[in-house]
Amino acid sequence: KKGICVDQSEFERDWFSKNNYEHK
């Protein structure tokens, strides 16, 4: 439950990908 913006946005990318959202 730690990370800078790079880590957190990659965590978010993973969630948005798995949940089929159009994202970047």
PDB file of all heavy atoms in Angstrom:
ATOM      1  N   LYS A   1       0.844  -1.211   0.000  1.00  0.00           N
ATOM      2  CA  LYS A   1       0.000   0.000   0.000  1.00  0.00           C
ATOM      3  C   LYS A   1       0.871   1.250   0.000  1.00  0.00           C
ATOM      4  O   LYS A   1       0.665   2.192   0.755  1.00  0.00           O
ATOM      5  CB  LYS A   1      -0.985  -0.012   1.161  1.00  0.00           C
ATOM      6  CG  LYS A   1      -1.997  -1.131   1.017  1.00  0.00           C
ATOM      7  CD  LYS A   1      -3.144  -0.988   1.954  1.00  0.00           C
ATOM      8  CE  LYS A   1      -4.133  -2.101   1.627  1.00  0.00           C
ATOM      9  NZ  LYS A   1      -5.359  -2.020   2.321  1.00  0.00           N
ATOM     10  N   LYS A   2       1.869   1.203  -0.888  1.00  0.00           N
ATOM     11  CA  LYS A   2       2.823   2.300  -1.044  1.00  0.00           C
ATOM     12  C   LYS A   2       3.148   2.442  -2.520  1.00  0.00           C
ATOM     13  O   LYS A   2       2.998   1.497  -3.288  1.00  0.00           O
ATOM     14  CB  LYS A   2       4.125   2.019  -0.286  1.00  0.00           C
ATOM     15  CG  LYS A   2       3.970   1.948   1.200  1.00  0.00           C
ATOM     16  CD  LYS A   2       5.300   1.694   1.866  1.00  0.00           C
ATOM     17  CE  LYS A   2       5.125   1.604   3.365  1.00  0.00           C
ATOM     18  NZ  LYS A   2       6.384   1.498   4.076  1.00  0.00           N
ATOM     19  N   GLY A   3       3.635   3.618  -2.874  1.00  0.00           N
ATOM     20  CA  GLY A   3       4.114   3.846  -4.221  1.00  0.00           C
ATOM     21  C   GLY A   3       4.027   5.313  -4.584  1.00  0.00           C
ATOM     22  O   GLY A   3       3.188   6.046  -4.065  1.00  0.00           O
ATOM     23  N   ILE A   4       4.910   5.721  -5.478  1.00  0.00           N
ATOM     24  CA  ILE A   4       4.834   7.074  -6.021  1.00  0.00           C
ATOM     25  C   ILE A   4       3.882   7.039  -7.216  1.00  0.00           C
ATOM     26  O   ILE A   4       3.297   5.996  -7.523  1.00  0.00           O
ATOM     27  CB  ILE A   4       6.233   7.624  -6.384  1.00  0.00           C
ATOM     28  CG1 ILE A   4       6.948   6.734  -7.415  1.00  0.00           C
ATOM     29  CG2 ILE A   4       7.076   7.796  -5.126  1.00  0.00           C
ATOM     30  CD1 ILE A   4       8.265   7.289  -7.917  1.00  0.00           C
ATOM     31  N   CYS A   5       3.737   8.153  -7.909  1.00  0.00           N
ATOM     32  CA  CYS A   5       2.745   8.231  -8.988  1.00  0.00           C
ATOM     33  C   CYS A   5       2.937   7.145 -10.042  1.00  0.00           C
ATOM     34  O   CYS A   5       1.965   6.616 -10.569  1.00  0.00           O
ATOM     35  CB  CYS A   5       2.737   9.617  -9.626  1.00  0.00           C
ATOM     36  SG  CYS A   5       4.287  10.117 -10.416  1.00  0.00           S
ATOM     37  N   VAL A   6       4.179   6.793 -10.336  1.00  0.00           N
ATOM     38  CA  VAL A   6       4.452   5.780 -11.361  1.00  0.00           C
ATOM     39  C   VAL A   6       3.884   4.430 -10.913  1.00  0.00           C
ATOM     40  O   VAL A   6       3.187   3.754 -11.671  1.00  0.00           O
ATOM     41  CB  VAL A   6       5.966   5.679 -11.653  1.00  0.00           C
ATOM     42  CG1 VAL A   6       6.248   4.641 -12.716  1.00  0.00           C
ATOM     43  CG2 VAL A   6       6.517   7.036 -12.062  1.00  0.00           C
ATOM     44  N   ASP A   7       4.168   4.045  -9.688  1.00  0.00           N
ATOM     45  CA  ASP A   7       3.685   2.769  -9.156  1.00  0.00           C
ATOM     46  C   ASP A   7       2.164   2.762  -9.052  1.00  0.00           C
ATOM     47  O   ASP A   7       1.505   1.803  -9.462  1.00  0.00           O
ATOM     48  CB  ASP A   7       4.267   2.509  -7.760  1.00  0.00           C
ATOM     49  CG  ASP A   7       5.771   2.564  -7.729  1.00  0.00           C
ATOM     50  OD1 ASP A   7       6.409   1.738  -8.404  1.00  0.00           O
ATOM     51  OD2 ASP A   7       6.308   3.441  -7.027  1.00  0.00           O
ATOM     52  N   GLN A   8       1.606   3.843  -8.503  1.00  0.00           N
ATOM     53  CA  GLN A   8       0.165   3.892  -8.303  1.00  0.00           C
ATOM     54  C   GLN A   8      -0.588   3.895  -9.627  1.00  0.00           C
ATOM     55  O   GLN A   8      -1.612   3.220  -9.765  1.00  0.00           O
ATOM     56  CB  GLN A   8      -0.219   5.115  -7.458  1.00  0.00           C
ATOM     57  CG  GLN A   8       0.239   4.972  -6.022  1.00  0.00           C
ATOM     58  CD  GLN A   8      -0.333   6.041  -5.126  1.00  0.00           C
ATOM     59  OE1 GLN A   8      -1.472   6.462  -5.274  1.00  0.00           O
ATOM     60  NE2 GLN A   8       0.464   6.479  -4.150  1.00  0.00           N
ATOM     61  N   SER A   9      -0.085   4.620 -10.616  1.00  0.00           N
ATOM     62  CA  SER A   9      -0.799   4.639 -11.906  1.00  0.00           C
ATOM     63  C   SER A   9      -0.696   3.291 -12.619  1.00  0.00           C
ATOM     64  O   SER A   9      -1.610   2.909 -13.348  1.00  0.00           O
ATOM     65  CB  SER A   9      -0.324   5.787 -12.793  1.00  0.00           C
ATOM     66  OG  SER A   9       1.041   5.664 -13.091  1.00  0.00           O
ATOM     67  N   GLU A  10       0.377   2.549 -12.388  1.00  0.00           N
ATOM     68  CA  GLU A  10       0.463   1.197 -12.959  1.00  0.00           C
ATOM     69  C   GLU A  10      -0.496   0.252 -12.240  1.00  0.00           C
ATOM     70  O   GLU A  10      -1.094  -0.629 -12.859  1.00  0.00           O
ATOM     71  CB  GLU A  10       1.897   0.666 -12.923  1.00  0.00           C
ATOM     72  CG  GLU A  10       2.823   1.362 -13.904  1.00  0.00           C
ATOM     73  CD  GLU A  10       2.371   1.268 -15.356  1.00  0.00           C
ATOM     74  OE1 GLU A  10       1.739   0.258 -15.750  1.00  0.00           O
ATOM     75  OE2 GLU A  10       2.646   2.211 -16.116  1.00  0.00           O
ATOM     76  N   PHE A  11      -0.663   0.432 -10.949  1.00  0.00           N
ATOM     77  CA  PHE A  11      -1.661  -0.324 -10.187  1.00  0.00           C
ATOM     78  C   PHE A  11      -3.056  -0.016 -10.749  1.00  0.00           C
ATOM     79  O   PHE A  11      -3.866  -0.915 -10.972  1.00  0.00           O
ATOM     80  CB  PHE A  11      -1.561   0.057  -8.704  1.00  0.00           C
ATOM     81  CG  PHE A  11      -2.584  -0.599  -7.830  1.00  0.00           C
ATOM     82  CD1 PHE A  11      -2.431  -1.910  -7.415  1.00  0.00           C
ATOM     83  CD2 PHE A  11      -3.702   0.100  -7.409  1.00  0.00           C
ATOM     84  CE1 PHE A  11      -3.376  -2.520  -6.590  1.00  0.00           C
ATOM     85  CE2 PHE A  11      -4.657  -0.496  -6.584  1.00  0.00           C
ATOM     86  CZ  PHE A  11      -4.492  -1.812  -6.183  1.00  0.00           C
ATOM     87  N   GLU A  12      -3.313   1.268 -10.986  1.00  0.00           N
ATOM     88  CA  GLU A  12      -4.595   1.694 -11.553  1.00  0.00           C
ATOM     89  C   GLU A  12      -4.784   1.131 -12.963  1.00  0.00           C
ATOM     90  O   GLU A  12      -5.866   0.649 -13.306  1.00  0.00           O
ATOM     91  CB  GLU A  12      -4.667   3.226 -11.588  1.00  0.00           C
ATOM     92  CG  GLU A  12      -4.648   3.851 -10.212  1.00  0.00           C
ATOM     93  CD  GLU A  12      -4.187   5.305 -10.169  1.00  0.00           C
ATOM     94  OE1 GLU A  12      -4.010   5.919 -11.251  1.00  0.00           O
ATOM     95  OE2 GLU A  12      -3.989   5.817  -9.065  1.00  0.00           O
ATOM     96  N   ARG A  13      -3.714   1.180 -13.771  1.00  0.00           N
ATOM     97  CA  ARG A  13      -3.789   0.634 -15.134  1.00  0.00           C
ATOM     98  C   ARG A  13      -4.223  -0.827 -15.095  1.00  0.00           C
ATOM     99  O   ARG A  13      -5.062  -1.263 -15.885  1.00  0.00           O
ATOM    100  CB  ARG A  13      -2.437   0.753 -15.845  1.00  0.00           C
ATOM    101  CG  ARG A  13      -2.477   0.259 -17.283  1.00  0.00           C
ATOM    102  CD  ARG A  13      -1.119  -0.015 -17.919  1.00  0.00           C
ATOM    103  NE  ARG A  13      -0.094   0.966 -17.827  1.00  0.00           N
ATOM    104  CZ  ARG A  13       0.363   1.708 -18.834  1.00  0.00           C
ATOM    105  NH1 ARG A  13      -0.156   1.574 -20.046  1.00  0.00           N
ATOM    106  NH2 ARG A  13       1.346   2.554 -18.658  1.00  0.00           N
ATOM    107  N   ASP A  14      -3.654  -1.571 -14.164  1.00  0.00           N
ATOM    108  CA  ASP A  14      -3.981  -2.987 -14.023  1.00  0.00           C
ATOM    109  C   ASP A  14      -5.472  -3.154 -13.720  1.00  0.00           C
ATOM    110  O   ASP A  14      -6.151  -3.976 -14.342  1.00  0.00           O
ATOM    111  CB  ASP A  14      -3.110  -3.600 -12.917  1.00  0.00           C
ATOM    112  CG  ASP A  14      -3.312  -5.091 -12.776  1.00  0.00           C
ATOM    113  OD1 ASP A  14      -2.965  -5.835 -13.720  1.00  0.00           O
ATOM    114  OD2 ASP A  14      -3.831  -5.514 -11.724  1.00  0.00           O
ATOM    115  N   TRP A  15      -5.988  -2.371 -12.765  1.00  0.00           N
ATOM    116  CA  TRP A  15      -7.403  -2.480 -12.399  1.00  0.00           C
ATOM    117  C   TRP A  15      -8.307  -2.069 -13.565  1.00  0.00           C
ATOM    118  O   TRP A  15      -9.265  -2.777 -13.890  1.00  0.00           O
ATOM    119  CB  TRP A  15      -7.721  -1.631 -11.159  1.00  0.00           C
ATOM    120  CG  TRP A  15      -9.131  -1.831 -10.701  1.00  0.00           C
ATOM    121  CD1 TRP A  15      -9.577  -2.779  -9.826  1.00  0.00           C
ATOM    122  CD2 TRP A  15     -10.297  -1.118 -11.134  1.00  0.00           C
ATOM    123  NE1 TRP A  15     -10.943  -2.687  -9.681  1.00  0.00           N
ATOM    124  CE2 TRP A  15     -11.415  -1.678 -10.475  1.00  0.00           C
ATOM    125  CE3 TRP A  15     -10.508  -0.063 -12.012  1.00  0.00           C
ATOM    126  CZ2 TRP A  15     -12.709  -1.219 -10.661  1.00  0.00           C
ATOM    127  CZ3 TRP A  15     -11.799   0.410 -12.212  1.00  0.00           C
ATOM    128  CH2 TRP A  15     -12.888  -0.170 -11.538  1.00  0.00           C
ATOM    129  N   PHE A  16      -8.019  -0.942 -14.218  1.00  0.00           N
ATOM    130  CA  PHE A  16      -8.856  -0.468 -15.320  1.00  0.00           C
ATOM    131  C   PHE A  16      -8.811  -1.438 -16.508  1.00  0.00           C
ATOM    132  O   PHE A  16      -9.816  -1.637 -17.187  1.00  0.00           O
ATOM    133  CB  PHE A  16      -8.458   0.953 -15.735  1.00  0.00           C
ATOM    134  CG  PHE A  16      -9.065   2.019 -14.856  1.00  0.00           C
ATOM    135  CD1 PHE A  16      -8.457   2.388 -13.669  1.00  0.00           C
ATOM    136  CD2 PHE A  16     -10.255   2.639 -15.208  1.00  0.00           C
ATOM    137  CE1 PHE A  16      -9.015   3.357 -12.850  1.00  0.00           C
ATOM    138  CE2 PHE A  16     -10.826   3.605 -14.403  1.00  0.00           C
ATOM    139  CZ  PHE A  16     -10.208   3.971 -13.218  1.00  0.00           C
ATOM    140  N   SER A  17      -7.667  -2.065 -16.740  1.00  0.00           N
ATOM    141  CA  SER A  17      -7.562  -3.072 -17.814  1.00  0.00           C
ATOM    142  C   SER A  17      -8.425  -4.290 -17.491  1.00  0.00           C
ATOM    143  O   SER A  17      -9.186  -4.755 -18.344  1.00  0.00           O
ATOM    144  CB  SER A  17      -6.111  -3.524 -17.987  1.00  0.00           C
ATOM    145  OG  SER A  17      -5.318  -2.495 -18.487  1.00  0.00           O
ATOM    146  N   LYS A  18      -8.298  -4.778 -16.278  1.00  0.00           N
ATOM    147  CA  LYS A  18      -9.059  -5.968 -15.877  1.00  0.00           C
ATOM    148  C   LYS A  18     -10.565  -5.716 -15.854  1.00  0.00           C
ATOM    149  O   LYS A  18     -11.348  -6.651 -15.946  1.00  0.00           O
ATOM    150  CB  LYS A  18      -8.599  -6.455 -14.501  1.00  0.00           C
ATOM    151  CG  LYS A  18      -7.240  -7.102 -14.529  1.00  0.00           C
ATOM    152  CD  LYS A  18      -6.770  -7.490 -13.152  1.00  0.00           C
ATOM    153  CE  LYS A  18      -5.414  -8.174 -13.219  1.00  0.00           C
ATOM    154  NZ  LYS A  18      -4.859  -8.404 -11.877  1.00  0.00           N
ATOM    155  N   ASN A  19     -10.964  -4.452 -15.720  1.00  0.00           N
ATOM    156  CA  ASN A  19     -12.378  -4.108 -15.652  1.00  0.00           C
ATOM    157  C   ASN A  19     -12.889  -3.477 -16.946  1.00  0.00           C
ATOM    158  O   ASN A  19     -13.964  -2.875 -16.970  1.00  0.00           O
ATOM    159  CB  ASN A  19     -12.639  -3.205 -14.439  1.00  0.00           C
ATOM    160  CG  ASN A  19     -12.542  -3.999 -13.155  1.00  0.00           C
ATOM    161  OD1 ASN A  19     -13.488  -4.653 -12.752  1.00  0.00           O
ATOM    162  ND2 ASN A  19     -11.378  -3.984 -12.526  1.00  0.00           N
ATOM    163  N   ASN A  20     -12.108  -3.639 -18.005  1.00  0.00           N
ATOM    164  CA  ASN A  20     -12.501  -3.276 -19.378  1.00  0.00           C
ATOM    165  C   ASN A  20     -12.895  -1.814 -19.570  1.00  0.00           C
ATOM    166  O   ASN A  20     -13.830  -1.507 -20.309  1.00  0.00           O
ATOM    167  CB  ASN A  20     -13.631  -4.194 -19.862  1.00  0.00           C
ATOM    168  CG  ASN A  20     -13.189  -5.639 -19.856  1.00  0.00           C
ATOM    169  OD1 ASN A  20     -12.110  -5.964 -20.339  1.00  0.00           O
ATOM    170  ND2 ASN A  20     -14.006  -6.501 -19.283  1.00  0.00           N
ATOM    171  N   TYR A  21     -12.171  -0.911 -18.939  1.00  0.00           N
ATOM    172  CA  TYR A  21     -12.371   0.515 -19.169  1.00  0.00           C
ATOM    173  C   TYR A  21     -11.432   0.989 -20.267  1.00  0.00           C
ATOM    174  O   TYR A  21     -10.284   0.542 -20.355  1.00  0.00           O
ATOM    175  CB  TYR A  21     -12.059   1.319 -17.900  1.00  0.00           C
ATOM    176  CG  TYR A  21     -13.163   1.318 -16.875  1.00  0.00           C
ATOM    177  CD1 TYR A  21     -13.285   0.284 -15.948  1.00  0.00           C
ATOM    178  CD2 TYR A  21     -14.079   2.362 -16.818  1.00  0.00           C
ATOM    179  CE1 TYR A  21     -14.289   0.289 -14.998  1.00  0.00           C
ATOM    180  CE2 TYR A  21     -15.091   2.374 -15.867  1.00  0.00           C
ATOM    181  CZ  TYR A  21     -15.185   1.335 -14.969  1.00  0.00           C
ATOM    182  OH  TYR A  21     -16.186   1.351 -14.031  1.00  0.00           O
ATOM    183  N   GLU A  22     -11.902   1.918 -21.080  1.00  0.00           N
ATOM    184  CA  GLU A  22     -11.044   2.588 -22.045  1.00  0.00           C
ATOM    185  C   GLU A  22     -10.203   3.584 -21.252  1.00  0.00           C
ATOM    186  O   GLU A  22     -10.741   4.490 -20.604  1.00  0.00           O
ATOM    187  CB  GLU A  22     -11.911   3.294 -23.087  1.00  0.00           C
ATOM    188  CG  GLU A  22     -11.132   3.951 -24.188  1.00  0.00           C
ATOM    189  CD  GLU A  22     -12.033   4.623 -25.207  1.00  0.00           C
ATOM    190  OE1 GLU A  22     -13.242   4.318 -25.272  1.00  0.00           O
ATOM    191  OE2 GLU A  22     -11.507   5.481 -25.941  1.00  0.00           O
ATOM    192  N   HIS A  23      -8.887   3.407 -21.258  1.00  0.00           N
ATOM    193  CA  HIS A  23      -8.028   4.233 -20.410  1.00  0.00           C
ATOM    194  C   HIS A  23      -6.639   4.389 -21.004  1.00  0.00           C
ATOM    195  O   HIS A  23      -6.258   3.641 -21.913  1.00  0.00           O
ATOM    196  CB  HIS A  23      -7.927   3.620 -19.012  1.00  0.00           C
ATOM    197  CG  HIS A  23      -7.191   2.312 -19.020  1.00  0.00           C
ATOM    198  ND1 HIS A  23      -7.770   1.141 -19.438  1.00  0.00           N
ATOM    199  CD2 HIS A  23      -5.918   2.009 -18.691  1.00  0.00           C
ATOM    200  CE1 HIS A  23      -6.887   0.164 -19.355  1.00  0.00           C
ATOM    201  NE2 HIS A  23      -5.751   0.668 -18.909  1.00  0.00           N
ATOM    202  N   LYS A  24      -5.898   5.356 -20.451  1.00  0.00           N
ATOM    203  CA  LYS A  24      -4.493   5.570 -20.804  1.00  0.00           C
ATOM    204  C   LYS A  24      -3.759   6.023 -19.554  1.00  0.00           C
ATOM    205  O   LYS A  24      -4.325   6.706 -18.702  1.00  0.00           O
ATOM    206  CB  LYS A  24      -4.348   6.693 -21.838  1.00  0.00           C
ATOM    207  CG  LYS A  24      -4.908   6.394 -23.196  1.00  0.00           C
ATOM    208  CD  LYS A  24      -4.689   7.588 -24.110  1.00  0.00           C
ATOM    209  CE  LYS A  24      -5.275   7.319 -25.481  1.00  0.00           C
ATOM    210  NZ  LYS A  24      -5.040   8.449 -26.384  1.00  0.00           N
TER     211      LYS A  24
END
